[in-house]
Amino acid sequence: SYHWINIGVSADPHSFQNPFKMLLENYNEDDLIVVKLDIDANDIELEFLRQIMVNTQLQKLIDQLYWENNSVFGMGSDQEIT
């Protein structure tokens, strides 16, 4: 089935508004999961990317990740994914 979930989000991994918490609780590796990360708030987007990078279970769940980098890396920005 197809689910379009368009609600407010929270980067807090324990929040019910964290989309990755919902993915981890409701889906498995057999499901096709496509994530489009487009929040237009760099601090939140980078935190979500960090959560993917450190959580191997999330990495296994997400089949495709689409993300537009709105940061200005290398041009005076001090933001980085750690």
Protein backbone atom coordinates (compact mmCIF):
# COMPACT_ATOMS: atom_id res chain seq x y z
CA SER A 1 0.00 0.00 0.00
CA TYR A 2 0.99 3.63 -0.40
CA HIS A 3 1.23 6.05 2.53
CA TRP A 4 1.77 9.80 2.23
CA ILE A 5 2.53 11.24 5.64
CA ASN A 6 2.64 15.03 5.60
CA ILE A 7 2.67 16.30 9.19
CA GLY A 8 4.87 18.43 11.42
CA VAL A 9 8.05 16.74 12.56
CA SER A 10 10.38 16.63 15.51
CA ALA A 11 14.02 15.62 15.33
CA ASP A 12 13.78 14.21 18.87
CA PRO A 13 14.23 10.45 18.34
CA HIS A 14 11.70 9.69 21.10
CA SER A 15 8.95 12.02 19.85
CA PHE A 16 5.83 10.61 18.22
CA GLN A 17 6.43 13.27 15.55
CA ASN A 18 9.77 11.76 14.55
CA PRO A 19 9.08 9.99 11.24
CA PHE A 20 11.95 7.55 11.75
CA LYS A 21 10.48 6.41 15.07
CA MET A 22 7.27 5.63 13.20
CA LEU A 23 9.18 3.74 10.49
CA LEU A 24 11.08 1.68 13.04
CA GLU A 25 7.89 0.78 14.94
CA ASN A 26 5.64 -0.05 11.99
CA TYR A 27 7.66 -1.32 9.03
CA ASN A 28 10.24 -3.97 8.21
CA GLU A 29 12.92 -4.62 5.59
CA ASP A 30 10.40 -6.27 3.24
CA ASP A 31 8.54 -2.97 2.84
CA LEU A 32 9.55 -0.50 0.15
CA ILE A 33 10.40 2.74 1.98
CA VAL A 34 11.20 5.92 0.08
CA VAL A 35 12.07 8.99 2.17
CA LYS A 36 12.02 12.50 0.75
CA LEU A 37 13.69 14.79 3.27
CA ASP A 38 12.75 18.38 2.45
CA ILE A 39 12.08 20.42 5.57
CA ASP A 40 13.91 23.65 4.62
CA ALA A 41 15.39 23.86 8.10
CA ASN A 42 19.01 22.80 7.88
CA ASP A 43 19.44 22.01 11.57
CA ILE A 44 16.48 19.60 11.53
CA GLU A 45 17.43 18.02 8.19
CA LEU A 46 21.00 17.46 9.34
CA GLU A 47 19.78 15.86 12.57
CA PHE A 48 17.58 13.47 10.60
CA LEU A 49 20.53 12.58 8.35
CA ARG A 50 22.67 11.99 11.44
CA GLN A 51 20.00 9.65 12.82
CA ILE A 52 20.13 7.61 9.62
CA MET A 53 23.93 7.52 9.67
CA VAL A 54 24.14 6.14 13.23
CA ASN A 55 21.20 3.72 13.10
CA THR A 56 21.87 0.61 11.04
CA GLN A 57 18.25 -0.53 11.46
CA LEU A 58 17.07 2.68 9.76
CA GLN A 59 19.66 2.21 7.03
CA LYS A 60 18.27 -1.26 6.32
CA LEU A 61 14.68 0.00 6.23
CA ILE A 62 15.16 2.94 3.85
CA ASP A 63 15.38 1.82 0.23
CA GLN A 64 15.69 5.28 -1.32
CA LEU A 65 16.54 8.62 0.28
CA TYR A 66 15.99 11.90 -1.54
CA TRP A 67 17.41 15.03 0.05
CA GLU A 68 18.15 18.48 -1.31
CA ASN A 69 21.20 19.92 0.38
CA ASN A 70 20.22 23.47 1.33
CA SER A 71 23.43 24.03 3.30
CA VAL A 72 26.30 26.16 2.15
CA PHE A 73 29.09 23.71 2.92
CA GLY A 74 32.52 25.08 2.14
CA MET A 75 31.30 28.64 1.89
CA GLY A 76 31.62 29.81 5.46
CA SER A 77 29.11 27.41 6.96
CA ASP A 78 30.10 25.69 10.20
CA GLN A 79 27.35 23.04 9.88
CA GLU A 80 28.44 19.46 9.46
CA ILE A 81 26.96 16.03 9.99
CA THR A 82 28.71 14.27 12.85
